Amino acid sequence: MTTATTNSINKPEKEYLQKTELAHRKKFAQFFTPPEIANLMTLWLLGNKNMQTVLEPAFGLGIFSRLLLSKKQNLQIKGYEIDNLIFETAKRNLNGTLNIDLQLQDYMYNDWNNKYDGIICNPPYFKFHDYDNKNILKEIEEKLSFQLNGFTNLYTLFLLKSISQLNENGRAAYIVPSEFLNSDYGKNVKQYLINSKLLRHILIIDFEENAFDDALTTASILLFAKDNNFDKVNFTTITTLKDLETFQNIIINYPSLQIDNSYDLGKLDASIKWRSYYQKQNSLKYKYLVPFSNYGKVVRGIATGDNDYFVFNLHKAKQYKISEKYLMPCISKSTDITKSFFTQTEFDKLAQENKNVYLFNATKPIDNEVENYIKKGEKEKVNEKYLTASRNPWYSLENRPPAPIWVSVFHRNGIKFIRNLSNVRNLTTFHCIYLNMFSVAKTDLLFAYLLTDTAQEIFNDNRREYGNGLKKFEPNDINKAKMVDLDKLDKITENKILDLYKQYQDEDLNIKPNNELLKSINNIFNNVYAD
């Protein structure tokens, strides 16, 4: 597809982006499909030579329909859209096109009884708390007779409904975030896809830059066919636009042209992260591995429900006359932590710099100033927010003791572990690692391991990926991850590691981190555990 062709195809989308405020587009989760990707998805549908009816469940401005009609004029297309602004814009652009029946209705509550030869969609990227989760889940579960996780994101519900609406020999193409392939809520979704026997290809779009200009996510294209070729499911990683062009040959020659990275449908395991099917697993290079949960448990940090209200600095405390005894030391931003070891001295320094390192902690008995601040929160309806409304009293904090080790939630240059040597808590900017009673004695040895490249490499098998190199770990991603079995170390080797670790800690706190010491620690672990 030439640049001139691309510019011509997505001209309506470009004009809409220029005229429409970002806030409106975010409200309706509107992220337009790049023409190169839209072209590939339409080619898959057109592989059904007898295709006559097409469904676009999230029509937008209709880039899929425009491409389909440019290649096959006698199609009858039905589209759904819930945003009146984009609906009216699309209607004007269609200029009375008889082939397209565009409905201003919510697809999730309509059209259940109709079947289509082709279904193509870039659904809204709403997470479970951003849509009518309870009612839509109920609708889906009743219609499909299938139980789903309450944290299921909306785009996967679009997907499950659509594949239930395929005619015999029908085809569907969806572009969605890859997140569900490697998340806990995605297990049920993946099991439904396996049970359906319709999934043929999963393409992981892992461009160096985002496929969507303003969507912070790595996307995947899922291709479905209601035919008898369900023995294999193919996984392909797309890193360049040229890869997209190459994959067109596979689509055109389906089902005769197979690819190397194919798996038997019956052997796909919905309970595991599907990254292992399309990405080499680093843990295979090591021996004597055990679950991280053997040593402890990872849980998220404190969630306040309204950081603007609960988070304090010394200036704010003075402003509202809140005594120090009602303030809990707490790290609220990961950027405040610049070293691998966090001490009371480091905390005191942040406090004096007027950083937000305290939480409002209204423990009884409360004085007049605290009572006034509580009333202020109620006047501002802080007490009616999602988390606060479920607490009694609403201003009470979660019971999270200080964790000996913190771990970053998001990262670009490697997962970040912090040894907490202070009596300070943390918000959700970090996860908390609490060691089990048998592992407390090994805290320093464990942390020495966590600082190594070996640990980084193994943990990366369980990461979640977003756009522009952003990666994320949820608590269970780490709990279920592999790590080396520290019990395989003899006492002499263990002491060598601890000696190097103590030197590294001293230099990290007093001068600057000595990466050569970390390399030496990493080499010891490699000598023992590299397969």
Protein backbone atom coordinates (compact mmCIF):
# COMPACT_ATOMS: atom_id res chain seq x y z
CA MET A 1 0.00 0.00 0.00
CA THR A 2 1.58 3.27 -1.15
CA THR A 3 1.77 6.43 0.96
CA ALA A 4 -0.63 8.19 -1.43
CA THR A 5 -3.14 5.34 -1.09
CA THR A 6 -2.81 5.40 2.70
CA ASN A 7 -3.41 9.15 2.86
CA SER A 8 -6.49 8.79 0.67
CA ILE A 9 -8.01 5.93 2.68
CA ASN A 10 -7.78 7.49 6.12
CA LYS A 11 -8.57 11.09 5.14
CA PRO A 12 -11.89 11.07 7.12
CA GLU A 13 -10.10 9.86 10.25
CA LYS A 14 -7.41 12.52 9.93
CA GLU A 15 -9.99 15.28 9.56
CA TYR A 16 -11.94 14.00 12.57
CA LEU A 17 -8.78 13.93 14.70
CA GLN A 18 -8.05 17.53 13.80
CA LYS A 19 -11.56 18.76 14.63
CA THR A 20 -12.43 16.66 17.71
CA GLU A 21 -11.10 17.24 21.20
CA LEU A 22 -8.97 14.55 22.78
CA ALA A 23 -11.25 14.45 25.82
CA HIS A 24 -14.19 13.43 23.64
CA ARG A 25 -12.22 10.71 21.88
CA LYS A 26 -10.98 9.34 25.20
CA LYS A 27 -14.51 9.33 26.60
CA PHE A 28 -15.57 6.94 23.84
CA ALA A 29 -12.17 5.16 23.61
CA GLN A 30 -11.78 6.09 19.94
CA PHE A 31 -8.51 4.91 18.42
CA PHE A 32 -8.51 4.59 14.66
CA THR A 33 -7.03 1.62 12.84
CA PRO A 34 -3.99 2.39 10.65
CA PRO A 35 -4.80 1.77 6.95
CA GLU A 36 -2.08 -0.88 6.54
CA ILE A 37 -3.58 -2.95 9.36
CA ALA A 38 -7.15 -2.33 8.19
CA ASN A 39 -6.16 -3.51 4.72
CA LEU A 40 -4.76 -6.79 6.04
CA MET A 41 -7.89 -7.43 8.12
CA THR A 42 -10.20 -6.82 5.16
CA LEU A 43 -8.14 -9.20 3.02
CA TRP A 44 -8.88 -11.94 5.55
CA LEU A 45 -12.63 -11.37 5.26
CA LEU A 46 -12.48 -11.26 1.46
CA GLY A 47 -10.97 -14.74 1.54
CA ASN A 48 -14.57 -15.88 1.98
CA LYS A 49 -15.49 -15.75 -1.71
CA ASN A 50 -19.20 -16.08 -0.96
CA MET A 51 -19.26 -13.20 1.51
CA GLN A 52 -22.36 -11.04 1.13
CA THR A 53 -23.14 -9.68 4.61
CA VAL A 54 -20.69 -7.87 6.89
CA LEU A 55 -20.97 -6.55 10.45
CA GLU A 56 -18.96 -3.66 11.89
CA PRO A 57 -19.79 -3.67 15.65
CA ALA A 58 -17.80 -0.47 16.37
CA PHE A 59 -18.15 1.48 13.12
CA GLY A 60 -16.27 4.68 13.90
CA LEU A 61 -15.85 6.40 10.54
CA GLY A 62 -15.95 3.11 8.63
CA ILE A 63 -12.42 2.56 7.35
CA PHE A 64 -13.06 -1.19 7.15
CA SER A 65 -16.28 -0.72 5.17
CA ARG A 66 -14.67 1.72 2.78
CA LEU A 67 -11.85 -0.74 2.07
CA LEU A 68 -14.23 -3.69 1.67
CA LEU A 69 -16.52 -1.84 -0.74
CA SER A 70 -13.54 -0.67 -2.79
CA LYS A 71 -12.76 -4.35 -3.44
CA LYS A 72 -16.25 -5.88 -3.50
CA GLN A 73 -19.11 -3.54 -4.31
CA ASN A 74 -22.14 -5.79 -3.73
CA LEU A 75 -21.66 -6.25 0.02
CA GLN A 76 -24.37 -5.41 2.53
CA ILE A 77 -22.79 -3.91 5.67
CA LYS A 78 -24.36 -3.24 9.05
CA GLY A 79 -22.60 -0.97 11.54
CA TYR A 80 -23.14 0.03 15.17
CA GLU A 81 -21.97 3.21 16.88
CA ILE A 82 -22.85 4.80 20.23
CA ASP A 83 -21.20 8.23 19.90
CA ASN A 84 -23.63 10.63 18.25
CA LEU A 85 -20.82 12.93 17.05
CA ILE A 86 -18.92 10.28 15.15
CA PHE A 87 -22.22 8.72 13.99
CA GLU A 88 -23.32 11.98 12.35
CA THR A 89 -19.85 12.52 10.88
CA ALA A 90 -19.87 9.01 9.42
CA LYS A 91 -23.38 9.47 7.98
CA ARG A 92 -22.29 12.65 6.20
CA ASN A 93 -19.20 10.92 4.82
CA LEU A 94 -21.24 7.94 3.60
CA ASN A 95 -23.42 10.38 1.63
CA GLY A 96 -26.34 7.97 1.32
CA THR A 97 -24.35 4.83 0.49
CA LEU A 98 -27.08 2.17 0.23
CA ASN A 99 -24.74 -0.71 1.05
CA ILE A 100 -24.29 0.44 4.66
CA ASP A 101 -26.94 0.34 7.37
CA LEU A 102 -25.52 2.37 10.26
CA GLN A 103 -27.27 2.16 13.65
CA LEU A 104 -26.89 4.58 16.56
CA GLN A 105 -27.16 1.80 19.15
CA ASP A 106 -25.02 -0.17 21.59
CA TYR A 107 -23.91 -3.34 19.84
CA MET A 108 -23.59 -5.22 23.14
CA TYR A 109 -27.37 -5.08 23.73
CA ASN A 110 -28.52 -5.53 20.13
CA ASP A 111 -28.40 -7.78 17.07
CA TRP A 112 -27.91 -11.08 18.93
CA ASN A 113 -30.04 -13.13 16.53
CA ASN A 114 -28.37 -12.14 13.27
CA LYS A 115 -25.53 -14.01 11.57
CA TYR A 116 -22.95 -12.60 9.15
CA ASP A 117 -20.49 -13.82 6.54
CA GLY A 118 -17.87 -11.36 7.73
CA ILE A 119 -17.31 -9.44 10.98
CA ILE A 120 -14.55 -6.88 11.39
CA CYS A 121 -13.86 -4.63 14.33
CA ASN A 122 -11.58 -2.31 16.29
CA PRO A 123 -13.65 -2.25 19.52
CA PRO A 124 -13.52 0.43 22.24
CA TYR A 125 -10.64 -0.17 24.64
CA PHE A 126 -12.55 0.14 27.90
CA LYS A 127 -11.32 -1.62 31.03
CA PHE A 128 -13.77 -3.28 33.43
CA HIS A 129 -14.28 -0.14 35.56
CA ASP A 130 -14.90 2.14 32.55
CA TYR A 131 -18.13 0.60 31.23
CA ASP A 132 -21.44 -0.87 32.42
CA ASN A 133 -19.55 -3.93 33.59
CA LYS A 134 -22.26 -5.65 35.63
CA ASN A 135 -25.07 -5.48 33.08
CA ILE A 136 -23.01 -6.21 29.96
CA LEU A 137 -21.33 -9.19 31.63
CA LYS A 138 -24.75 -10.50 32.62
CA GLU A 139 -25.97 -10.08 29.03
CA ILE A 140 -22.95 -11.91 27.60
CA GLU A 141 -23.03 -14.75 30.13
CA GLU A 142 -26.75 -15.37 29.61
CA LYS A 143 -26.52 -15.32 25.81
CA LEU A 144 -23.34 -17.40 25.54
CA SER A 145 -23.91 -19.65 28.59
CA PHE A 146 -20.32 -19.03 29.63
CA GLN A 147 -18.92 -17.65 32.90
CA LEU A 148 -16.47 -14.74 32.69
CA ASN A 149 -14.19 -12.95 35.13
CA GLY A 150 -15.63 -9.74 36.61
CA PHE A 151 -12.48 -7.85 35.55
CA THR A 152 -13.00 -8.68 31.86
CA ASN A 153 -12.35 -5.72 29.58
CA LEU A 154 -15.03 -4.59 27.14
CA TYR A 155 -13.09 -5.25 23.94
CA THR A 156 -12.98 -8.99 24.65
CA LEU A 157 -16.76 -9.03 25.21
CA PHE A 158 -17.22 -7.49 21.76
CA LEU A 159 -15.00 -10.25 20.42
CA LEU A 160 -16.86 -13.13 22.09
CA LYS A 161 -20.25 -11.86 20.93
CA SER A 162 -19.04 -11.41 17.36
CA ILE A 163 -17.62 -14.88 16.86
CA SER A 164 -20.97 -16.29 18.02
CA GLN A 165 -22.57 -14.45 15.09
CA LEU A 166 -20.58 -16.01 12.24
CA ASN A 167 -22.35 -17.86 9.43
CA GLU A 168 -20.94 -21.13 8.12
CA ASN A 169 -17.67 -20.37 6.29
CA GLY A 170 -17.81 -16.88 7.77
CA ARG A 171 -14.70 -14.99 8.84
CA ALA A 172 -13.96 -12.43 11.53
CA ALA A 173 -11.02 -10.09 12.12
CA TYR A 174 -10.51 -8.17 15.36
CA ILE A 175 -7.74 -5.85 16.49
CA VAL A 176 -7.49 -5.61 20.30
CA PRO A 177 -4.86 -5.03 22.99
CA SER A 178 -2.66 -8.09 23.63
CA GLU A 179 -3.19 -7.70 27.37
CA PHE A 180 -5.84 -10.40 27.72
CA LEU A 181 -3.48 -13.03 26.27
CA ASN A 182 -1.30 -12.73 29.38
CA SER A 183 -3.67 -11.64 32.15
CA ASP A 184 -5.68 -13.47 34.79
CA TYR A 185 -9.08 -12.31 33.51
CA GLY A 186 -8.07 -13.48 30.03
CA LYS A 187 -8.09 -17.18 31.01
CA ASN A 188 -11.86 -17.48 30.55
CA VAL A 189 -11.74 -15.52 27.30
CA LYS A 190 -9.00 -17.76 25.91
CA GLN A 191 -10.90 -20.86 26.96
CA TYR A 192 -13.95 -19.64 25.05
CA LEU A 193 -11.78 -19.07 21.97
CA ILE A 194 -10.41 -22.60 22.24
CA ASN A 195 -13.87 -24.09 22.72
CA SER A 196 -15.23 -22.20 19.70
CA LYS A 197 -12.69 -23.84 17.34
CA LEU A 198 -12.79 -20.67 15.23
CA LEU A 199 -9.41 -19.10 16.03
CA ARG A 200 -6.90 -19.40 13.16
CA HIS A 201 -4.24 -16.71 13.59
CA ILE A 202 -2.97 -14.39 16.30
CA LEU A 203 -0.70 -11.62 15.06
CA ILE A 204 1.15 -9.71 17.75
CA ILE A 205 1.80 -6.14 16.60
CA ASP A 206 5.04 -5.17 18.32
CA PHE A 207 6.16 -2.12 16.38
CA GLU A 208 8.96 0.06 17.70
CA GLU A 209 6.34 2.82 17.69
CA ASN A 210 2.65 2.50 18.58
CA ALA A 211 0.32 1.10 15.94
CA PHE A 212 -2.17 3.66 17.25
CA ASP A 213 -0.84 7.19 17.60
CA ASP A 214 -2.39 7.85 21.00
CA ALA A 215 -3.21 4.38 22.38
CA LEU A 216 -0.75 3.16 24.95
CA THR A 217 -0.86 -0.51 24.10
CA THR A 218 0.64 -3.30 22.06
CA ALA A 219 -2.08 -4.63 19.77
CA SER A 220 -2.93 -8.05 18.45
CA ILE A 221 -4.94 -9.06 15.40
CA LEU A 222 -7.13 -12.13 15.82
CA LEU A 223 -8.41 -13.90 12.71
CA PHE A 224 -11.30 -16.38 12.86
CA ALA A 225 -12.93 -18.72 10.35
CA LYS A 226 -15.98 -20.95 10.74
CA ASP A 227 -14.63 -23.80 8.64
CA ASN A 228 -13.12 -27.22 9.23
CA ASN A 229 -9.47 -26.10 9.39
CA PHE A 230 -9.36 -25.86 13.18
CA ASP A 231 -6.50 -28.24 13.95
CA LYS A 232 -3.86 -25.52 14.26
CA VAL A 233 -3.60 -21.99 15.66
CA ASN A 234 -0.81 -19.82 14.25
CA PHE A 235 1.12 -17.16 16.19
CA THR A 236 3.10 -14.45 14.38
CA THR A 237 4.92 -11.39 15.71
CA ILE A 238 4.80 -8.35 13.42
CA THR A 239 7.54 -5.78 14.03
CA THR A 240 7.48 -3.74 10.79
CA LEU A 241 5.04 -2.73 8.08
CA LYS A 242 6.98 -5.02 5.74
CA ASP A 243 6.05 -7.94 8.00
CA LEU A 244 2.41 -7.01 7.45
CA GLU A 245 2.90 -7.19 3.69
CA THR A 246 4.60 -10.58 4.02
CA PHE A 247 1.72 -11.95 6.08
CA GLN A 248 -0.72 -11.02 3.32
CA ASN A 249 0.67 -13.98 1.35
CA ILE A 250 -0.31 -16.33 4.20
CA ILE A 251 -3.82 -14.87 4.23
CA ILE A 252 -4.25 -15.13 0.47
CA ASN A 253 -3.12 -18.79 0.48
CA TYR A 254 -5.08 -19.88 3.56
CA PRO A 255 -5.34 -22.72 4.50
CA SER A 256 -2.66 -24.29 2.30
CA LEU A 257 0.26 -22.13 3.42
CA GLN A 258 1.29 -22.91 7.00
CA ILE A 259 3.74 -21.04 9.21
CA ASP A 260 6.41 -22.37 11.55
CA ASN A 261 4.92 -21.12 14.80
CA SER A 262 1.79 -23.29 14.86
CA TYR A 263 0.22 -25.11 17.79
CA ASP A 264 -2.41 -27.83 17.98
CA LEU A 265 -5.69 -26.27 19.08
CA GLY A 266 -6.23 -29.08 21.60
CA LYS A 267 -2.87 -28.39 23.24
CA LEU A 268 -3.40 -24.67 23.86
CA ASP A 269 -3.59 -24.00 27.59
CA ALA A 270 -5.90 -21.14 28.59
CA SER A 271 -4.51 -21.08 32.14
CA ILE A 272 -1.02 -19.92 31.11
CA LYS A 273 0.26 -16.69 29.57
CA TRP A 274 0.10 -17.12 25.82
CA ARG A 275 3.31 -15.14 25.44
CA SER A 276 5.07 -18.48 25.63
CA TYR A 277 3.50 -19.39 22.26
CA TYR A 278 4.94 -16.43 20.38
CA GLN A 279 7.97 -15.30 22.37
CA LYS A 280 11.06 -17.22 23.43
CA GLN A 281 11.05 -17.96 27.17
CA ASN A 282 14.22 -16.81 28.93
CA SER A 283 13.70 -19.22 31.84
CA LEU A 284 14.53 -22.15 29.56
CA LYS A 285 18.20 -21.13 29.81
CA TYR A 286 18.27 -21.87 33.56
CA LYS A 287 17.93 -24.86 35.89
CA TYR A 288 16.78 -25.27 39.50
CA LEU A 289 13.90 -22.83 39.11
CA VAL A 290 10.99 -22.51 41.55
CA PRO A 291 7.93 -20.25 41.77
CA PHE A 292 8.65 -16.86 43.31
CA SER A 293 5.79 -17.56 45.73
CA ASN A 294 8.07 -20.10 47.46
CA TYR A 295 9.76 -17.14 49.14
CA GLY A 296 6.99 -14.65 49.63
CA LYS A 297 3.93 -12.90 48.28
CA VAL A 298 3.55 -9.79 46.16
CA VAL A 299 0.54 -7.53 46.79
CA ARG A 300 -0.24 -4.06 45.50
CA GLY A 301 0.53 -0.97 47.54
CA ILE A 302 -2.01 1.11 49.44
CA ALA A 303 -4.90 2.41 47.34
CA THR A 304 -6.42 5.54 48.92
CA GLY A 305 -9.32 6.14 46.55
CA ASP A 306 -8.33 9.80 46.16
CA ASN A 307 -4.64 10.67 46.34
CA ASP A 308 -5.30 14.39 46.06
CA TYR A 309 -7.18 14.24 49.34
CA PHE A 310 -5.16 11.67 51.31
CA VAL A 311 -1.58 12.47 50.24
CA PHE A 312 0.21 15.19 52.21
CA ASN A 313 3.48 17.08 52.30
CA LEU A 314 4.68 19.27 55.17
CA HIS A 315 3.31 22.43 53.57
CA LYS A 316 -0.17 20.90 53.23
CA ALA A 317 -0.03 19.63 56.83
CA LYS A 318 0.74 23.15 58.00
CA GLN A 319 -2.02 24.61 55.82
CA TYR A 320 -4.69 22.38 57.39
CA LYS A 321 -3.01 22.24 60.81
CA ILE A 322 -2.81 18.45 60.74
CA SER A 323 -0.58 17.11 63.51
CA GLU A 324 2.23 14.70 62.61
CA LYS A 325 0.58 11.94 64.64
CA TYR A 326 -2.21 11.87 62.01
CA LEU A 327 0.25 11.51 59.13
CA MET A 328 1.61 8.14 58.01
CA PRO A 329 5.01 8.11 56.23
CA CYS A 330 4.39 6.75 52.74
CA ILE A 331 6.04 6.90 49.31
CA SER A 332 3.57 8.08 46.70
CA LYS A 333 5.76 8.39 43.58
CA SER A 334 8.33 5.96 42.20
CA THR A 335 10.40 8.89 40.88
CA ASP A 336 11.17 9.86 44.49
CA ILE A 337 13.24 6.69 44.86
CA THR A 338 16.56 6.97 43.04
CA LYS A 339 18.61 4.24 44.73
CA SER A 340 18.26 0.50 45.30
CA PHE A 341 18.16 1.02 49.08
CA PHE A 342 15.74 3.32 50.87
CA THR A 343 16.58 4.44 54.41
CA GLN A 344 15.06 6.70 57.05
CA THR A 345 17.65 9.31 56.11
CA GLU A 346 16.42 9.23 52.51
CA PHE A 347 12.84 9.64 53.71
CA ASP A 348 13.69 12.61 55.96
CA LYS A 349 15.38 14.28 53.02
CA LEU A 350 12.26 13.88 50.86
CA ALA A 351 10.07 15.25 53.65
CA GLN A 352 12.26 18.36 54.04
CA GLU A 353 12.06 18.89 50.28
CA ASN A 354 8.28 19.11 50.73
CA LYS A 355 7.64 15.94 48.72
CA ASN A 356 4.31 14.14 49.04
CA VAL A 357 5.45 11.49 51.50
CA TYR A 358 2.63 11.34 54.06
CA LEU A 359 -0.88 9.92 54.16
CA PHE A 360 -3.78 11.36 56.09
CA ASN A 361 -4.32 8.79 58.83
CA ALA A 362 -7.25 9.83 61.05
CA THR A 363 -6.78 7.41 63.94
CA LYS A 364 -8.90 8.00 67.05
CA PRO A 365 -9.10 10.11 69.08
CA ILE A 366 -9.26 12.89 66.48
CA ASP A 367 -8.81 16.60 67.14
CA ASN A 368 -10.77 19.54 65.72
CA GLU A 369 -8.45 20.09 62.76
CA VAL A 370 -8.71 16.45 61.69
CA GLU A 371 -12.49 16.58 62.09
CA ASN A 372 -12.60 19.69 59.91
CA TYR A 373 -10.50 17.98 57.24
CA ILE A 374 -12.85 14.99 57.27
CA LYS A 375 -15.81 17.35 56.81
CA LYS A 376 -13.95 18.97 53.92
CA GLY A 377 -13.67 15.54 52.26
CA GLU A 378 -17.37 14.88 52.73
CA LYS A 379 -18.25 18.29 51.30
CA GLU A 380 -16.15 17.42 48.24
CA LYS A 381 -17.81 13.96 48.13
CA VAL A 382 -14.53 12.11 48.55
CA ASN A 383 -16.48 9.71 50.77
CA GLU A 384 -18.68 8.71 47.81
CA LYS A 385 -15.87 7.53 45.54
CA TYR A 386 -15.46 3.90 44.50
CA LEU A 387 -12.99 2.81 47.20
CA THR A 388 -13.89 5.20 49.99
CA ALA A 389 -17.59 4.33 49.82
CA SER A 390 -16.78 0.71 50.69
CA ARG A 391 -14.74 1.58 53.81
CA ASN A 392 -16.02 2.17 57.34
CA PRO A 393 -15.18 4.85 58.19
CA TRP A 394 -14.58 6.08 54.65
CA TYR A 395 -11.34 7.86 55.59
CA SER A 396 -9.70 4.76 57.11
CA LEU A 397 -6.64 3.40 55.30
CA GLU A 398 -5.87 -0.11 54.14
CA ASN A 399 -3.86 -2.16 56.61
CA ARG A 400 -0.58 -2.54 54.72
CA PRO A 401 2.48 -2.89 56.97
CA PRO A 402 5.82 -1.62 55.62
CA ALA A 403 7.19 -4.13 53.09
CA PRO A 404 10.88 -5.09 53.21
CA ILE A 405 11.07 -5.01 49.39
CA TRP A 406 9.23 -2.87 46.85
CA VAL A 407 8.90 -3.61 43.16
CA SER A 408 7.97 -1.15 40.42
CA VAL A 409 4.68 -1.54 38.57
CA PHE A 410 5.71 -0.02 35.22
CA HIS A 411 9.15 0.12 33.67
CA ARG A 412 10.99 0.58 30.40
CA ASN A 413 14.55 -0.32 31.30
CA GLY A 414 14.08 -3.31 33.59
CA ILE A 415 11.93 -4.13 36.59
CA LYS A 416 13.02 -2.08 39.61
CA PHE A 417 13.39 -3.58 43.11
CA ILE A 418 13.94 -1.43 46.20
CA ARG A 419 15.17 -2.66 49.59
CA ASN A 420 13.07 -0.76 52.12
CA LEU A 421 15.28 -0.20 55.18
CA SER A 422 12.90 2.40 56.63
CA ASN A 423 9.58 1.98 58.40
CA VAL A 424 7.78 3.57 55.45
CA ARG A 425 4.77 2.33 53.51
CA ASN A 426 4.00 2.80 49.82
CA LEU A 427 1.08 3.59 47.53
CA THR A 428 0.29 1.59 44.38
CA THR A 429 3.26 3.16 42.60
CA PHE A 430 5.10 0.10 43.96
CA HIS A 431 3.99 -3.43 44.77
CA CYS A 432 4.88 -4.82 48.20
CA ILE A 433 6.91 -8.01 48.66
CA TYR A 434 6.26 -9.73 52.00
CA LEU A 435 8.48 -12.72 52.74
CA ASN A 436 7.13 -15.87 54.34
CA MET A 437 8.43 -16.81 57.79
CA PHE A 438 10.99 -19.24 56.36
CA SER A 439 12.48 -16.68 53.98
CA VAL A 440 13.02 -13.69 56.30
CA ALA A 441 16.54 -14.88 57.09
CA LYS A 442 17.28 -14.88 53.36
CA THR A 443 16.07 -11.33 52.70
CA ASP A 444 19.49 -9.98 51.74
CA LEU A 445 20.31 -13.04 49.63
CA LEU A 446 16.98 -12.75 47.84
CA PHE A 447 17.45 -9.04 47.23
CA ALA A 448 20.97 -9.64 45.92
CA TYR A 449 19.43 -11.99 43.37
CA LEU A 450 16.67 -9.54 42.46
CA LEU A 451 19.29 -6.95 41.53
CA THR A 452 20.87 -9.21 38.89
CA ASP A 453 20.41 -9.41 35.14
CA THR A 454 19.57 -13.09 35.61
CA ALA A 455 16.51 -12.18 37.67
CA GLN A 456 15.48 -9.52 35.16
CA GLU A 457 15.71 -11.99 32.30
CA ILE A 458 13.60 -14.66 33.99
CA PHE A 459 10.97 -12.22 35.27
CA ASN A 460 10.56 -10.81 31.76
CA ASP A 461 8.81 -14.03 30.74
CA ASN A 462 5.81 -12.84 32.77
CA ARG A 463 5.70 -9.15 31.86
CA ARG A 464 2.82 -7.34 30.23
CA GLU A 465 3.69 -5.13 27.28
CA TYR A 466 2.36 -1.74 26.29
CA GLY A 467 3.38 0.70 23.58
CA ASN A 468 6.73 2.48 23.27
CA GLY A 469 8.57 -0.14 25.33
CA LEU A 470 6.43 0.27 28.45
CA LYS A 471 6.11 -2.93 30.48
CA LYS A 472 4.01 -3.80 33.51
CA PHE A 473 3.91 -6.41 36.26
CA GLU A 474 0.76 -7.12 38.26
CA PRO A 475 1.30 -8.81 41.65
CA ASN A 476 0.34 -12.25 40.34
CA ASP A 477 2.69 -11.84 37.37
CA ILE A 478 5.52 -11.93 39.88
CA ASN A 479 3.95 -14.43 42.28
CA LYS A 480 3.64 -16.94 39.43
CA ALA A 481 7.00 -16.11 37.87
CA LYS A 482 10.02 -18.37 38.14
CA MET A 483 13.20 -17.61 40.07
CA VAL A 484 16.28 -19.56 41.07
CA ASP A 485 16.09 -21.94 44.02
CA LEU A 486 18.29 -20.21 46.60
CA ASP A 487 18.53 -23.45 48.59
CA LYS A 488 20.80 -24.85 45.86
CA LEU A 489 23.56 -22.46 46.98
CA ASP A 490 26.15 -23.89 49.33
CA LYS A 491 27.21 -21.81 52.34
CA ILE A 492 30.54 -20.70 50.82
CA THR A 493 28.84 -19.42 47.65
CA GLU A 494 26.09 -17.74 49.67
CA ASN A 495 28.64 -15.88 51.78
CA LYS A 496 30.50 -14.71 48.65
CA ILE A 497 27.25 -13.24 47.32
CA LEU A 498 26.43 -11.57 50.64
CA ASP A 499 29.91 -10.04 50.91
CA LEU A 500 29.59 -8.51 47.44
CA TYR A 501 26.03 -7.42 48.25
CA LYS A 502 27.12 -5.57 51.42
CA GLN A 503 29.80 -3.74 49.44
CA TYR A 504 27.25 -2.80 46.80
CA GLN A 505 24.81 -1.53 49.45
CA ASP A 506 27.48 0.63 51.11
CA GLU A 507 28.54 2.19 47.83
CA ASP A 508 24.93 2.68 46.66
CA LEU A 509 24.09 4.58 49.86
CA ASN A 510 27.29 6.55 50.29
CA ILE A 511 28.83 7.13 46.87
CA LYS A 512 27.19 5.71 43.76
CA PRO A 513 26.18 2.18 42.73
CA ASN A 514 29.05 -0.02 41.62
CA ASN A 515 27.75 -2.04 38.71
CA GLU A 516 30.89 -4.15 38.62
CA LEU A 517 29.87 -5.63 41.97
CA LEU A 518 26.46 -6.51 40.50
CA LYS A 519 28.16 -8.18 37.55
CA SER A 520 30.18 -10.30 39.97
CA ILE A 521 27.02 -11.32 41.83
CA ASN A 522 25.31 -12.11 38.54
CA ASN A 523 28.26 -14.25 37.41
CA ILE A 524 27.99 -16.35 40.58
CA PHE A 525 24.30 -17.00 39.99
CA ASN A 526 25.00 -17.81 36.35
CA ASN A 527 27.69 -20.31 37.28
CA VAL A 528 25.24 -22.16 39.50
CA TYR A 529 21.98 -21.90 37.56
CA ALA A 530 22.76 -21.42 33.84
CA ASP A 531 21.81 -24.60 32.03
